[in-house]
PDB file of N, CA and C in Angstrom:
ATOM      1  N   MET A   1     -49.673  45.704-108.931  1.00  0.00           N
ATOM      2  CA  MET A   1     -50.213  44.607-108.254  1.00  0.00           C
ATOM      3  C   MET A   1     -49.150  43.661-107.371  1.00  0.00           C
ATOM      4  N   LYS A   2     -48.013  43.747-107.399  1.00  0.00           N
ATOM      5  CA  LYS A   2     -47.256  43.459-106.932  1.00  0.00           C
ATOM      6  C   LYS A   2     -47.246  43.043-105.720  1.00  0.00           C
ATOM      7  N   ILE A   3     -47.381  44.722-104.980  1.00  0.00           N
ATOM      8  CA  ILE A   3     -47.966  44.591-103.636  1.00  0.00           C
ATOM      9  C   ILE A   3     -48.965  43.498-102.646  1.00  0.00           C
ATOM     10  N   ASN A   4     -50.352  43.763-103.539  1.00  0.00           N
ATOM     11  CA  ASN A   4     -51.284  42.591-103.242  1.00  0.00           C
ATOM     12  C   ASN A   4     -50.529  41.348-103.337  1.00  0.00           C
ATOM     13  N   PHE A   5     -50.313  41.044-104.296  1.00  0.00           N
ATOM     14  CA  PHE A   5     -49.524  39.701-104.429  1.00  0.00           C
ATOM     15  C   PHE A   5     -48.687  39.288-103.205  1.00  0.00           C
ATOM     16  N   THR A   6     -47.816  40.367-102.921  1.00  0.00           N
ATOM     17  CA  THR A   6     -46.955  40.041-102.032  1.00  0.00           C
ATOM     18  C   THR A   6     -47.465  40.119-100.558  1.00  0.00           C
ATOM     19  N   LEU A   7     -48.188  41.112-100.042  1.00  0.00           N
ATOM     20  CA  LEU A   7     -49.307  40.835 -98.854  1.00  0.00           C
ATOM     21  C   LEU A   7     -50.000  39.899 -98.148  1.00  0.00           C
ATOM     22  N   ALA A   8     -50.687  39.507 -99.767  1.00  0.00           N
ATOM     23  CA  ALA A   8     -51.575  38.149 -99.522  1.00  0.00           C
ATOM     24  C   ALA A   8     -50.873  36.865 -99.166  1.00  0.00           C
ATOM     25  N   SER A   9     -49.438  36.620-100.103  1.00  0.00           N
ATOM     26  CA  SER A   9     -48.775  35.568 -99.570  1.00  0.00           C
ATOM     27  C   SER A   9     -47.910  35.724 -98.143  1.00  0.00           C
ATOM     28  N   ILE A  10     -47.823  36.852 -97.850  1.00  0.00           N
ATOM     29  CA  ILE A  10     -47.748  37.010 -96.533  1.00  0.00           C
ATOM     30  C   ILE A  10     -48.526  36.610 -95.320  1.00  0.00           C
ATOM     31  N   LEU A  11     -50.033  37.070 -95.808  1.00  0.00           N
ATOM     32  CA  LEU A  11     -50.755  36.713 -94.801  1.00  0.00           C
ATOM     33  C   LEU A  11     -51.399  35.133 -94.733  1.00  0.00           C
ATOM     34  N   GLY A  12     -51.056  34.818 -96.246  1.00  0.00           N
ATOM     35  CA  GLY A  12     -51.322  33.037 -96.644  1.00  0.00           C
ATOM     36  C   GLY A  12     -50.014  32.815 -95.575  1.00  0.00           C
ATOM     37  N   LEU A  13     -48.887  32.808 -95.171  1.00  0.00           N
ATOM     38  CA  LEU A  13     -47.784  32.509 -94.820  1.00  0.00           C
ATOM     39  C   LEU A  13     -48.185  32.245 -93.125  1.00  0.00           C
ATOM     40  N   LEU A  14     -48.384  33.479 -92.597  1.00  0.00           N
ATOM     41  CA  LEU A  14     -49.033  33.751 -91.447  1.00  0.00           C
ATOM     42  C   LEU A  14     -50.079  32.818 -90.882  1.00  0.00           C
ATOM     43  N   SER A  15     -50.908  32.534 -91.744  1.00  0.00           N
ATOM     44  CA  SER A  15     -51.975  31.807 -91.521  1.00  0.00           C
ATOM     45  C   SER A  15     -51.490  30.499 -91.169  1.00  0.00           C
ATOM     46  N   VAL A  16     -50.753  30.118 -91.594  1.00  0.00           N
ATOM     47  CA  VAL A  16     -50.216  28.710 -91.558  1.00  0.00           C
ATOM     48  C   VAL A  16     -49.342  29.089 -90.307  1.00  0.00           C
ATOM     49  N   VAL A  17     -48.586  29.843 -89.766  1.00  0.00           N
ATOM     50  CA  VAL A  17     -47.606  29.817 -88.864  1.00  0.00           C
ATOM     51  C   VAL A  17     -48.566  29.803 -87.403  1.00  0.00           C
ATOM     52  N   LEU A  18     -49.538  30.958 -87.746  1.00  0.00           N
ATOM     53  CA  LEU A  18     -50.576  31.122 -86.946  1.00  0.00           C
ATOM     54  C   LEU A  18     -51.521  29.644 -86.217  1.00  0.00           C
ATOM     55  N   GLY A  19     -51.581  28.939 -87.648  1.00  0.00           N
ATOM     56  CA  GLY A  19     -52.278  27.694 -86.931  1.00  0.00           C
ATOM     57  C   GLY A  19     -51.919  26.583 -86.567  1.00  0.00           C
ATOM     58  N   ALA A  20     -50.767  26.618 -86.705  1.00  0.00           N
ATOM     59  CA  ALA A  20     -49.486  25.876 -86.417  1.00  0.00           C
ATOM     60  C   ALA A  20     -49.225  26.154 -84.764  1.00  0.00           C
ATOM     61  N   PHE A  21     -49.307  27.282 -84.504  1.00  0.00           N
ATOM     62  CA  PHE A  21     -49.032  28.094 -83.231  1.00  0.00           C
ATOM     63  C   PHE A  21     -50.367  27.649 -82.497  1.00  0.00           C
ATOM     64  N   GLY A  22     -51.418  28.043 -83.011  1.00  0.00           N
ATOM     65  CA  GLY A  22     -52.606  27.850 -82.285  1.00  0.00           C
ATOM     66  C   GLY A  22     -52.859  26.005 -81.474  1.00  0.00           C
ATOM     67  N   ALA A  23     -52.559  25.755 -82.449  1.00  0.00           N
ATOM     68  CA  ALA A  23     -52.865  24.204 -82.947  1.00  0.00           C
ATOM     69  C   ALA A  23     -51.815  23.197 -81.502  1.00  0.00           C
ATOM     70  N   HIS A  24     -50.860  24.077 -81.867  1.00  0.00           N
ATOM     71  CA  HIS A  24     -49.537  23.407 -80.579  1.00  0.00           C
ATOM     72  C   HIS A  24     -49.413  24.028 -79.325  1.00  0.00           C
ATOM     73  N   ALA A  25     -49.112  25.402 -79.448  1.00  0.00           N
ATOM     74  CA  ALA A  25     -48.897  26.079 -78.157  1.00  0.00           C
ATOM     75  C   ALA A  25     -49.454  26.782 -77.502  1.00  0.00           C
ATOM     76  N   LEU A  26     -50.717  26.717 -78.102  1.00  0.00           N
ATOM     77  CA  LEU A  26     -51.431  27.393 -77.631  1.00  0.00           C
ATOM     78  C   LEU A  26     -53.064  26.377 -77.071  1.00  0.00           C
ATOM     79  N   LYS A  27     -53.103  25.130 -77.280  1.00  0.00           N
ATOM     80  CA  LYS A  27     -53.630  23.974 -77.480  1.00  0.00           C
ATOM     81  C   LYS A  27     -53.822  24.201 -75.465  1.00  0.00           C
ATOM     82  N   GLU A  28     -52.975  24.032 -75.107  1.00  0.00           N
ATOM     83  CA  GLU A  28     -52.795  23.722 -73.637  1.00  0.00           C
ATOM     84  C   GLU A  28     -53.166  25.115 -72.881  1.00  0.00           C
ATOM     85  N   LEU A  29     -53.375  26.045 -73.355  1.00  0.00           N
ATOM     86  CA  LEU A  29     -53.271  27.658 -73.001  1.00  0.00           C
ATOM     87  C   LEU A  29     -54.624  28.037 -73.128  1.00  0.00           C
ATOM     88  N   LEU A  30     -55.475  27.790 -73.650  1.00  0.00           N
ATOM     89  CA  LEU A  30     -56.628  28.599 -74.340  1.00  0.00           C
ATOM     90  C   LEU A  30     -57.829  27.726 -73.796  1.00  0.00           C
ATOM     91  N   SER A  31     -58.712  28.261 -73.959  1.00  0.00           N
ATOM     92  CA  SER A  31     -60.140  27.274 -73.534  1.00  0.00           C
ATOM     93  C   SER A  31     -60.444  26.797 -74.778  1.00  0.00           C
ATOM     94  N   PRO A  32     -61.084  25.573 -74.916  1.00  0.00           N
ATOM     95  CA  PRO A  32     -61.296  25.210 -76.526  1.00  0.00           C
ATOM     96  C   PRO A  32     -62.364  25.990 -77.132  1.00  0.00           C
ATOM     97  N   GLU A  33     -63.207  27.098 -76.695  1.00  0.00           N
ATOM     98  CA  GLU A  33     -63.959  28.396 -76.947  1.00  0.00           C
ATOM     99  C   GLU A  33     -63.003  29.328 -77.256  1.00  0.00           C
ATOM    100  N   ALA A  34     -61.698  29.426 -76.604  1.00  0.00           N
ATOM    101  CA  ALA A  34     -60.867  30.356 -77.009  1.00  0.00           C
ATOM    102  C   ALA A  34     -60.060  29.697 -78.482  1.00  0.00           C
ATOM    103  N   LEU A  35     -59.751  28.670 -78.330  1.00  0.00           N
ATOM    104  CA  LEU A  35     -59.142  28.137 -79.213  1.00  0.00           C
ATOM    105  C   LEU A  35     -59.907  27.954 -80.692  1.00  0.00           C
ATOM    106  N   SER A  36     -61.104  27.861 -80.570  1.00  0.00           N
ATOM    107  CA  SER A  36     -62.108  27.629 -81.902  1.00  0.00           C
ATOM    108  C   SER A  36     -62.137  28.966 -82.360  1.00  0.00           C
ATOM    109  N   SER A  37     -62.175  30.310 -81.456  1.00  0.00           N
ATOM    110  CA  SER A  37     -62.273  31.360 -82.195  1.00  0.00           C
ATOM    111  C   SER A  37     -61.234  31.640 -82.661  1.00  0.00           C
ATOM    112  N   PHE A  38     -59.686  31.272 -82.092  1.00  0.00           N
ATOM    113  CA  PHE A  38     -58.460  31.460 -82.704  1.00  0.00           C
ATOM    114  C   PHE A  38     -58.681  30.800 -83.888  1.00  0.00           C
ATOM    115  N   GLU A  39     -58.966  29.704 -84.260  1.00  0.00           N
ATOM    116  CA  GLU A  39     -58.691  28.814 -85.726  1.00  0.00           C
ATOM    117  C   GLU A  39     -59.808  29.652 -86.275  1.00  0.00           C
ATOM    118  N   THR A  40     -61.177  30.016 -86.045  1.00  0.00           N
ATOM    119  CA  THR A  40     -61.965  30.764 -87.058  1.00  0.00           C
ATOM    120  C   THR A  40     -61.122  32.021 -87.548  1.00  0.00           C
ATOM    121  N   GLY A  41     -60.082  32.729 -86.473  1.00  0.00           N
ATOM    122  CA  GLY A  41     -59.616  33.690 -87.478  1.00  0.00           C
ATOM    123  C   GLY A  41     -58.671  33.542 -88.173  1.00  0.00           C
ATOM    124  N   VAL A  42     -57.748  32.231 -88.272  1.00  0.00           N
ATOM    125  CA  VAL A  42     -56.884  31.893 -88.955  1.00  0.00           C
ATOM    126  C   VAL A  42     -57.497  31.509 -90.303  1.00  0.00           C
ATOM    127  N   ARG A  43     -58.863  30.564 -90.297  1.00  0.00           N
ATOM    128  CA  ARG A  43     -59.577  30.175 -91.442  1.00  0.00           C
ATOM    129  C   ARG A  43     -59.687  31.387 -92.221  1.00  0.00           C
ATOM    130  N   TYR A  44     -60.408  32.414 -91.605  1.00  0.00           N
ATOM    131  CA  TYR A  44     -61.102  33.541 -92.340  1.00  0.00           C
ATOM    132  C   TYR A  44     -59.750  34.265 -93.035  1.00  0.00           C
ATOM    133  N   MET A  45     -57.962  34.544 -92.187  1.00  0.00           N
ATOM    134  CA  MET A  45     -57.659  35.028 -92.675  1.00  0.00           C
ATOM    135  C   MET A  45     -56.952  34.064 -94.229  1.00  0.00           C
ATOM    136  N   MET A  46     -56.674  33.068 -94.280  1.00  0.00           N
ATOM    137  CA  MET A  46     -56.197  32.308 -95.332  1.00  0.00           C
ATOM    138  C   MET A  46     -57.189  32.322 -96.412  1.00  0.00           C
ATOM    139  N   TYR A  47     -58.694  32.225 -96.013  1.00  0.00           N
ATOM    140  CA  TYR A  47     -59.600  32.140 -97.380  1.00  0.00           C
ATOM    141  C   TYR A  47     -59.388  33.346 -98.016  1.00  0.00           C
ATOM    142  N   HIS A  48     -59.489  34.756 -97.248  1.00  0.00           N
ATOM    143  CA  HIS A  48     -59.305  35.662 -97.774  1.00  0.00           C
ATOM    144  C   HIS A  48     -57.990  36.186 -98.353  1.00  0.00           C
ATOM    145  N   SER A  49     -57.028  35.334 -98.004  1.00  0.00           N
ATOM    146  CA  SER A  49     -55.547  35.856 -98.637  1.00  0.00           C
ATOM    147  C   SER A  49     -55.747  35.111-100.426  1.00  0.00           C
ATOM    148  N   ILE A  50     -56.414  33.813-100.114  1.00  0.00           N
ATOM    149  CA  ILE A  50     -55.922  32.955-101.242  1.00  0.00           C
ATOM    150  C   ILE A  50     -57.263  34.090-102.315  1.00  0.00           C
ATOM    151  N   ILE A  51     -58.632  34.747-101.832  1.00  0.00           N
ATOM    152  CA  ILE A  51     -59.014  35.552-102.527  1.00  0.00           C
ATOM    153  C   ILE A  51     -58.620  36.464-103.081  1.00  0.00           C
ATOM    154  N   ILE A  52     -57.821  37.429-102.553  1.00  0.00           N
ATOM    155  CA  ILE A  52     -56.767  38.247-102.678  1.00  0.00           C
ATOM    156  C   ILE A  52     -55.856  38.038-104.079  1.00  0.00           C
ATOM    157  N   LEU A  53     -55.114  36.847-103.733  1.00  0.00           N
ATOM    158  CA  LEU A  53     -54.676  36.063-105.224  1.00  0.00           C
ATOM    159  C   LEU A  53     -55.639  35.967-106.234  1.00  0.00           C
ATOM    160  N   PHE A  54     -56.772  35.396-105.934  1.00  0.00           N
ATOM    161  CA  PHE A  54     -57.522  35.440-107.362  1.00  0.00           C
ATOM    162  C   PHE A  54     -57.646  36.811-108.016  1.00  0.00           C
ATOM    163  N   VAL A  55     -58.315  37.678-107.066  1.00  0.00           N
ATOM    164  CA  VAL A  55     -58.744  38.876-107.638  1.00  0.00           C
ATOM    165  C   VAL A  55     -57.524  39.895-108.471  1.00  0.00           C
ATOM    166  N   ASN A  56     -56.323  39.380-107.682  1.00  0.00           N
ATOM    167  CA  ASN A  56     -55.242  40.371-108.513  1.00  0.00           C
ATOM    168  C   ASN A  56     -54.649  39.596-109.490  1.00  0.00           C
ATOM    169  N   SER A  57     -55.346  38.190-110.065  1.00  0.00           N
ATOM    170  CA  SER A  57     -54.870  37.257-111.122  1.00  0.00           C
ATOM    171  C   SER A  57     -56.004  37.431-112.230  1.00  0.00           C
ATOM    172  N   TYR A  58     -57.194  38.196-111.898  1.00  0.00           N
ATOM    173  CA  TYR A  58     -58.311  37.970-112.306  1.00  0.00           C
ATOM    174  C   TYR A  58     -58.312  38.954-113.697  1.00  0.00           C
ATOM    175  N   SER A  59     -58.136  38.534-115.105  1.00  0.00           N
ATOM    176  CA  SER A  59     -57.697  39.857-115.944  1.00  0.00           C
ATOM    177  C   SER A  59     -59.152  40.691-116.433  1.00  0.00           C
ATOM    178  N   GLY A  60     -60.378  39.846-115.878  1.00  0.00           N
ATOM    179  CA  GLY A  60     -61.516  40.811-116.212  1.00  0.00           C
ATOM    180  C   GLY A  60     -61.487  42.057-115.327  1.00  0.00           C
ATOM    181  N   PHE A  61     -60.902  42.306-114.246  1.00  0.00           N
ATOM    182  CA  PHE A  61     -61.297  43.627-113.015  1.00  0.00           C
ATOM    183  C   PHE A  61     -59.830  44.445-113.366  1.00  0.00           C
ATOM    184  N   THR A  62     -60.419  45.794-113.638  1.00  0.00           N
ATOM    185  CA  THR A  62     -59.617  46.528-113.588  1.00  0.00           C
ATOM    186  C   THR A  62     -58.655  46.846-112.951  1.00  0.00           C
ATOM    187  N   GLU A  63     -57.420  47.311-112.812  1.00  0.00           N
ATOM    188  CA  GLU A  63     -56.225  47.805-111.631  1.00  0.00           C
ATOM    189  C   GLU A  63     -57.088  48.008-110.424  1.00  0.00           C
ATOM    190  N   LYS A  64     -58.262  49.367-110.796  1.00  0.00           N
ATOM    191  CA  LYS A  64     -58.484  49.922-109.929  1.00  0.00           C
ATOM    192  C   LYS A  64     -59.759  48.893-108.746  1.00  0.00           C
ATOM    193  N   ILE A  65     -59.936  48.434-110.031  1.00  0.00           N
ATOM    194  CA  ILE A  65     -61.156  47.629-109.049  1.00  0.00           C
ATOM    195  C   ILE A  65     -60.045  46.433-108.192  1.00  0.00           C
ATOM    196  N   LYS A  66     -59.182  45.968-108.641  1.00  0.00           N
ATOM    197  CA  LYS A  66     -58.051  45.185-107.841  1.00  0.00           C
ATOM    198  C   LYS A  66     -58.012  45.485-106.520  1.00  0.00           C
ATOM    199  N   LYS A  67     -57.367  47.115-106.971  1.00  0.00           N
ATOM    200  CA  LYS A  67     -56.763  47.627-105.334  1.00  0.00           C
ATOM    201  C   LYS A  67     -57.990  48.028-104.463  1.00  0.00           C
ATOM    202  N   LYS A  68     -58.999  48.511-105.026  1.00  0.00           N
ATOM    203  CA  LYS A  68     -60.339  48.512-104.004  1.00  0.00           C
ATOM    204  C   LYS A  68     -60.433  47.319-103.178  1.00  0.00           C
ATOM    205  N   ILE A  69     -60.619  46.088-103.858  1.00  0.00           N
ATOM    206  CA  ILE A  69     -61.261  44.801-103.595  1.00  0.00           C
ATOM    207  C   ILE A  69     -60.058  44.571-102.535  1.00  0.00           C
ATOM    208  N   SER A  70     -58.719  44.530-102.864  1.00  0.00           N
ATOM    209  CA  SER A  70     -57.832  44.040-102.198  1.00  0.00           C
ATOM    210  C   SER A  70     -57.739  44.525-101.017  1.00  0.00           C
ATOM    211  N   LEU A  71     -57.432  46.073-100.876  1.00  0.00           N
ATOM    212  CA  LEU A  71     -57.618  47.033 -99.865  1.00  0.00           C
ATOM    213  C   LEU A  71     -58.711  46.609 -98.820  1.00  0.00           C
ATOM    214  N   ILE A  72     -59.744  46.544 -99.177  1.00  0.00           N
ATOM    215  CA  ILE A  72     -60.874  46.113 -98.515  1.00  0.00           C
ATOM    216  C   ILE A  72     -60.940  45.101 -97.962  1.00  0.00           C
ATOM    217  N   PHE A  73     -60.374  44.010 -98.474  1.00  0.00           N
ATOM    218  CA  PHE A  73     -60.138  42.481 -97.910  1.00  0.00           C
ATOM    219  C   PHE A  73     -59.219  42.853 -96.705  1.00  0.00           C
ATOM    220  N   PHE A  74     -58.133  43.436 -96.841  1.00  0.00           N
ATOM    221  CA  PHE A  74     -56.820  43.586 -96.160  1.00  0.00           C
ATOM    222  C   PHE A  74     -57.361  44.146 -94.923  1.00  0.00           C
ATOM    223  N   ILE A  75     -58.405  45.252 -94.890  1.00  0.00           N
ATOM    224  CA  ILE A  75     -58.837  46.000 -93.498  1.00  0.00           C
ATOM    225  C   ILE A  75     -59.472  44.858 -92.936  1.00  0.00           C
ATOM    226  N   GLY A  76     -60.538  44.100 -93.658  1.00  0.00           N
ATOM    227  CA  GLY A  76     -61.510  42.924 -93.029  1.00  0.00           C
ATOM    228  C   GLY A  76     -60.610  41.797 -92.440  1.00  0.00           C
ATOM    229  N   ILE A  77     -59.532  41.868 -92.891  1.00  0.00           N
ATOM    230  CA  ILE A  77     -58.541  40.940 -92.422  1.00  0.00           C
ATOM    231  C   ILE A  77     -57.996  41.262 -91.217  1.00  0.00           C
ATOM    232  N   LEU A  78     -57.363  42.633 -90.830  1.00  0.00           N
ATOM    233  CA  LEU A  78     -56.814  42.957 -89.798  1.00  0.00           C
ATOM    234  C   LEU A  78     -57.750  43.066 -88.913  1.00  0.00           C
ATOM    235  N   PHE A  79     -58.933  43.698 -88.920  1.00  0.00           N
ATOM    236  CA  PHE A  79     -59.875  44.143 -87.919  1.00  0.00           C
ATOM    237  C   PHE A  79     -60.686  42.529 -87.464  1.00  0.00           C
ATOM    238  N   PHE A  80     -61.076  42.125 -88.195  1.00  0.00           N
ATOM    239  CA  PHE A  80     -61.672  40.560 -88.064  1.00  0.00           C
ATOM    240  C   PHE A  80     -60.718  39.905 -87.612  1.00  0.00           C
ATOM    241  N   SER A  81     -59.695  39.148 -87.822  1.00  0.00           N
ATOM    242  CA  SER A  81     -58.894  38.366 -87.811  1.00  0.00           C
ATOM    243  C   SER A  81     -58.110  38.920 -86.730  1.00  0.00           C
ATOM    244  N   GLY A  82     -57.499  39.780 -86.975  1.00  0.00           N
ATOM    245  CA  GLY A  82     -56.294  40.551 -85.801  1.00  0.00           C
ATOM    246  C   GLY A  82     -57.163  40.601 -84.673  1.00  0.00           C
ATOM    247  N   SER A  83     -58.588  41.170 -84.673  1.00  0.00           N
ATOM    248  CA  SER A  83     -58.944  41.301 -83.447  1.00  0.00           C
ATOM    249  C   SER A  83     -59.386  39.979 -82.441  1.00  0.00           C
ATOM    250  N   ILE A  84     -60.058  39.122 -83.144  1.00  0.00           N
ATOM    251  CA  ILE A  84     -60.107  37.632 -83.203  1.00  0.00           C
ATOM    252  C   ILE A  84     -58.831  37.206 -82.009  1.00  0.00           C
ATOM    253  N   PHE A  85     -58.107  37.309 -83.061  1.00  0.00           N
ATOM    254  CA  PHE A  85     -56.466  36.774 -82.085  1.00  0.00           C
ATOM    255  C   PHE A  85     -56.320  37.341 -80.844  1.00  0.00           C
ATOM    256  N   ALA A  86     -56.479  38.832 -80.862  1.00  0.00           N
ATOM    257  CA  ALA A  86     -56.061  39.507 -79.640  1.00  0.00           C
ATOM    258  C   ALA A  86     -57.103  38.828 -78.688  1.00  0.00           C
ATOM    259  N   ILE A  87     -58.579  38.824 -78.937  1.00  0.00           N
ATOM    260  CA  ILE A  87     -59.279  38.542 -78.045  1.00  0.00           C
ATOM    261  C   ILE A  87     -59.327  36.826 -77.274  1.00  0.00           C
ATOM    262  N   SER A  88     -59.309  36.327 -78.405  1.00  0.00           N
ATOM    263  CA  SER A  88     -59.220  34.930 -77.810  1.00  0.00           C
ATOM    264  C   SER A  88     -57.792  34.443 -77.166  1.00  0.00           C
ATOM    265  N   THR A  89     -56.827  35.465 -76.877  1.00  0.00           N
ATOM    266  CA  THR A  89     -55.653  34.924 -76.584  1.00  0.00           C
ATOM    267  C   THR A  89     -55.765  35.704 -74.895  1.00  0.00           C
ATOM    268  N   GLY A  90     -56.681  36.337 -75.040  1.00  0.00           N
ATOM    269  CA  GLY A  90     -57.207  36.436 -73.307  1.00  0.00           C
ATOM    270  C   GLY A  90     -56.579  38.027 -73.138  1.00  0.00           C
ATOM    271  N   SER A  91     -55.874  38.971 -74.089  1.00  0.00           N
ATOM    272  CA  SER A  91     -55.703  40.174 -73.458  1.00  0.00           C
ATOM    273  C   SER A  91     -56.919  40.769 -72.928  1.00  0.00           C
ATOM    274  N   ILE A  92     -56.405  41.422 -71.459  1.00  0.00           N
ATOM    275  CA  ILE A  92     -57.474  42.126 -70.671  1.00  0.00           C
ATOM    276  C   ILE A  92     -57.987  43.257 -71.831  1.00  0.00           C
ATOM    277  N   MET A  93     -56.811  43.974 -72.249  1.00  0.00           N
ATOM    278  CA  MET A  93     -56.747  45.387 -72.772  1.00  0.00           C
ATOM    279  C   MET A  93     -57.980  45.064 -74.360  1.00  0.00           C
ATOM    280  N   ALA A  94     -57.554  43.789 -74.766  1.00  0.00           N
ATOM    281  CA  ALA A  94     -58.209  43.419 -76.047  1.00  0.00           C
ATOM    282  C   ALA A  94     -59.808  43.219 -76.028  1.00  0.00           C
ATOM    283  N   LYS A  95     -60.370  42.722 -74.758  1.00  0.00           N
ATOM    284  CA  LYS A  95     -61.521  42.583 -74.300  1.00  0.00           C
ATOM    285  C   LYS A  95     -62.746  44.160 -74.903  1.00  0.00           C
ATOM    286  N   SER A  96     -61.713  45.339 -74.468  1.00  0.00           N
ATOM    287  CA  SER A  96     -62.226  46.001 -74.687  1.00  0.00           C
ATOM    288  C   SER A  96     -62.437  46.914 -76.297  1.00  0.00           C
ATOM    289  N   ILE A  97     -62.037  45.939 -77.447  1.00  0.00           N
ATOM    290  CA  ILE A  97     -61.774  45.884 -78.709  1.00  0.00           C
ATOM    291  C   ILE A  97     -63.097  44.970 -79.085  1.00  0.00           C
ATOM    292  N   TRP A  98     -63.765  44.838 -78.950  1.00  0.00           N
ATOM    293  CA  TRP A  98     -64.832  43.512 -79.224  1.00  0.00           C
ATOM    294  C   TRP A  98     -65.445  43.965 -80.812  1.00  0.00           C
ATOM    295  N   PHE A  99     -65.680  45.453 -80.403  1.00  0.00           N
ATOM    296  CA  PHE A  99     -66.475  45.742 -81.635  1.00  0.00           C
ATOM    297  C   PHE A  99     -65.884  45.540 -82.935  1.00  0.00           C
ATOM    298  N   ILE A 100     -64.629  45.774 -82.894  1.00  0.00           N
ATOM    299  CA  ILE A 100     -63.617  45.909 -84.362  1.00  0.00           C
ATOM    300  C   ILE A 100     -64.121  44.514 -84.936  1.00  0.00           C
ATOM    301  N   THR A 101     -64.149  43.225 -84.248  1.00  0.00           N
ATOM    302  CA  THR A 101     -64.818  42.065 -84.938  1.00  0.00           C
ATOM    303  C   THR A 101     -65.412  42.341 -85.875  1.00  0.00           C
ATOM    304  N   PRO A 102     -67.022  42.664 -85.665  1.00  0.00           N
ATOM    305  CA  PRO A 102     -67.943  42.910 -86.707  1.00  0.00           C
ATOM    306  C   PRO A 102     -67.604  44.096 -87.745  1.00  0.00           C
ATOM    307  N   LEU A 103     -66.681  45.087 -87.011  1.00  0.00           N
ATOM    308  CA  LEU A 103     -66.556  45.477 -88.373  1.00  0.00           C
ATOM    309  C   LEU A 103     -65.534  45.064 -89.358  1.00  0.00           C
ATOM    310  N   GLY A 104     -64.875  44.648 -88.814  1.00  0.00           N
ATOM    311  CA  GLY A 104     -63.860  43.869 -89.787  1.00  0.00           C
ATOM    312  C   GLY A 104     -64.908  42.883 -90.938  1.00  0.00           C
ATOM    313  N   GLY A 105     -65.916  41.844 -90.220  1.00  0.00           N
ATOM    314  CA  GLY A 105     -66.685  41.429 -90.833  1.00  0.00           C
ATOM    315  C   GLY A 105     -67.249  42.083 -92.000  1.00  0.00           C
ATOM    316  N   ILE A 106     -67.945  43.542 -91.320  1.00  0.00           N
ATOM    317  CA  ILE A 106     -68.269  44.089 -92.388  1.00  0.00           C
ATOM    318  C   ILE A 106     -67.643  44.465 -93.877  1.00  0.00           C
ATOM    319  N   PHE A 107     -66.236  44.782 -93.550  1.00  0.00           N
ATOM    320  CA  PHE A 107     -65.339  45.157 -94.249  1.00  0.00           C
ATOM    321  C   PHE A 107     -65.238  43.805 -95.406  1.00  0.00           C
ATOM    322  N   LEU A 108     -65.301  42.677 -94.935  1.00  0.00           N
ATOM    323  CA  LEU A 108     -65.240  41.429 -95.790  1.00  0.00           C
ATOM    324  C   LEU A 108     -66.788  41.150 -96.560  1.00  0.00           C
ATOM    325  N   ILE A 109     -67.373  41.229 -95.700  1.00  0.00           N
ATOM    326  CA  ILE A 109     -68.726  41.493 -96.563  1.00  0.00           C
ATOM    327  C   ILE A 109     -69.199  42.438 -97.920  1.00  0.00           C
ATOM    328  N   LEU A 110     -68.329  43.523 -97.319  1.00  0.00           N
ATOM    329  CA  LEU A 110     -68.299  44.760 -98.419  1.00  0.00           C
ATOM    330  C   LEU A 110     -67.308  44.191 -99.797  1.00  0.00           C
ATOM    331  N   GLY A 111     -66.085  43.677 -99.206  1.00  0.00           N
ATOM    332  CA  GLY A 111     -65.323  43.255-100.401  1.00  0.00           C
ATOM    333  C   GLY A 111     -66.043  42.177-101.088  1.00  0.00           C
ATOM    334  N   TRP A 112     -66.682  41.163-100.927  1.00  0.00           N
ATOM    335  CA  TRP A 112     -67.507  40.062-101.603  1.00  0.00           C
ATOM    336  C   TRP A 112     -68.816  40.866-102.426  1.00  0.00           C
ATOM    337  N   LEU A 113     -69.066  42.209-102.021  1.00  0.00           N
ATOM    338  CA  LEU A 113     -70.313  42.657-102.651  1.00  0.00           C
ATOM    339  C   LEU A 113     -69.661  43.329-103.611  1.00  0.00           C
ATOM    340  N   ILE A 114     -68.663  43.802-103.488  1.00  0.00           N
ATOM    341  CA  ILE A 114     -67.792  44.974-104.748  1.00  0.00           C
ATOM    342  C   ILE A 114     -67.455  43.523-105.522  1.00  0.00           C
ATOM    343  N   MET A 115     -66.832  42.506-105.101  1.00  0.00           N
ATOM    344  CA  MET A 115     -66.500  41.692-106.016  1.00  0.00           C
ATOM    345  C   MET A 115     -67.487  41.026-107.079  1.00  0.00           C
ATOM    346  N   ILE A 116     -69.041  41.056-106.322  1.00  0.00           N
ATOM    347  CA  ILE A 116     -69.717  40.226-107.014  1.00  0.00           C
ATOM    348  C   ILE A 116     -70.376  41.632-108.062  1.00  0.00           C
ATOM    349  N   PHE A 117     -70.320  42.700-107.952  1.00  0.00           N
ATOM    350  CA  PHE A 117     -70.969  43.709-108.740  1.00  0.00           C
ATOM    351  C   PHE A 117     -69.930  43.940-109.687  1.00  0.00           C
ATOM    352  N   SER A 118     -68.438  43.720-109.570  1.00  0.00           N
ATOM    353  CA  SER A 118     -67.365  43.691-110.401  1.00  0.00           C
ATOM    354  C   SER A 118     -67.460  42.769-111.334  1.00  0.00           C
ATOM    355  N   PHE A 119     -67.621  41.517-111.036  1.00  0.00           N
ATOM    356  CA  PHE A 119     -68.088  40.509-111.862  1.00  0.00           C
ATOM    357  C   PHE A 119     -69.105  40.667-112.915  1.00  0.00           C
ATOM    358  N   LEU A 120     -70.251  41.137-112.621  1.00  0.00           N
ATOM    359  CA  LEU A 120     -71.771  41.406-113.055  1.00  0.00           C
ATOM    360  C   LEU A 120     -71.079  42.503-114.545  1.00  0.00           C
ATOM    361  N   LYS A 121     -70.109  43.523-114.189  1.00  0.00           N
ATOM    362  CA  LYS A 121     -69.879  44.670-114.753  1.00  0.00           C
ATOM    363  C   LYS A 121     -68.785  43.932-115.715  1.00  0.00           C
ATOM    364  N   ALA A 122     -67.848  43.248-115.435  1.00  0.00           N
ATOM    365  CA  ALA A 122     -66.613  42.762-116.270  1.00  0.00           C
ATOM    366  C   ALA A 122     -67.275  42.992-117.805  1.00  0.00           C
ATOM    367  N   LYS A 123     -66.050  42.787-118.600  1.00  0.00           N
ATOM    368  CA  LYS A 123     -66.355  42.675-120.135  1.00  0.00           C
ATOM    369  C   LYS A 123     -66.091  41.228-120.234  1.00  0.00           C
ATOM    370  N   ASN A 124     -65.114  40.388-119.532  1.00  0.00           N
ATOM    371  CA  ASN A 124     -64.700  39.062-119.806  1.00  0.00           C
ATOM    372  C   ASN A 124     -65.649  37.997-119.458  1.00  0.00           C
TER     373      ASN A 124
END
């Protein structure tokens, strides 16, 4: 689980860096709507980085479940937040990947659903 803790910590760090970048460097470059979208990507990245840390610390989940939930959240962060970062910063090519954002959202929802069912099945 060391890799999950490390990746979640890196994503948390990137959330802070990207949040500061958005608040300072992008503030003058992006429209208010694009900046708001960028901030949404940062928030969701941070929220799910924290939940990955929690999942991997919770003793009631098996290692298999921890890996599964973590992977699903990692994919969700990459697709959801990553596509929002690309689209909101105005990449012309990124406009064609709009469909990846809701796909990332589906992965995030799936991660939460698996976590709910895993809590219900946990022996602790």
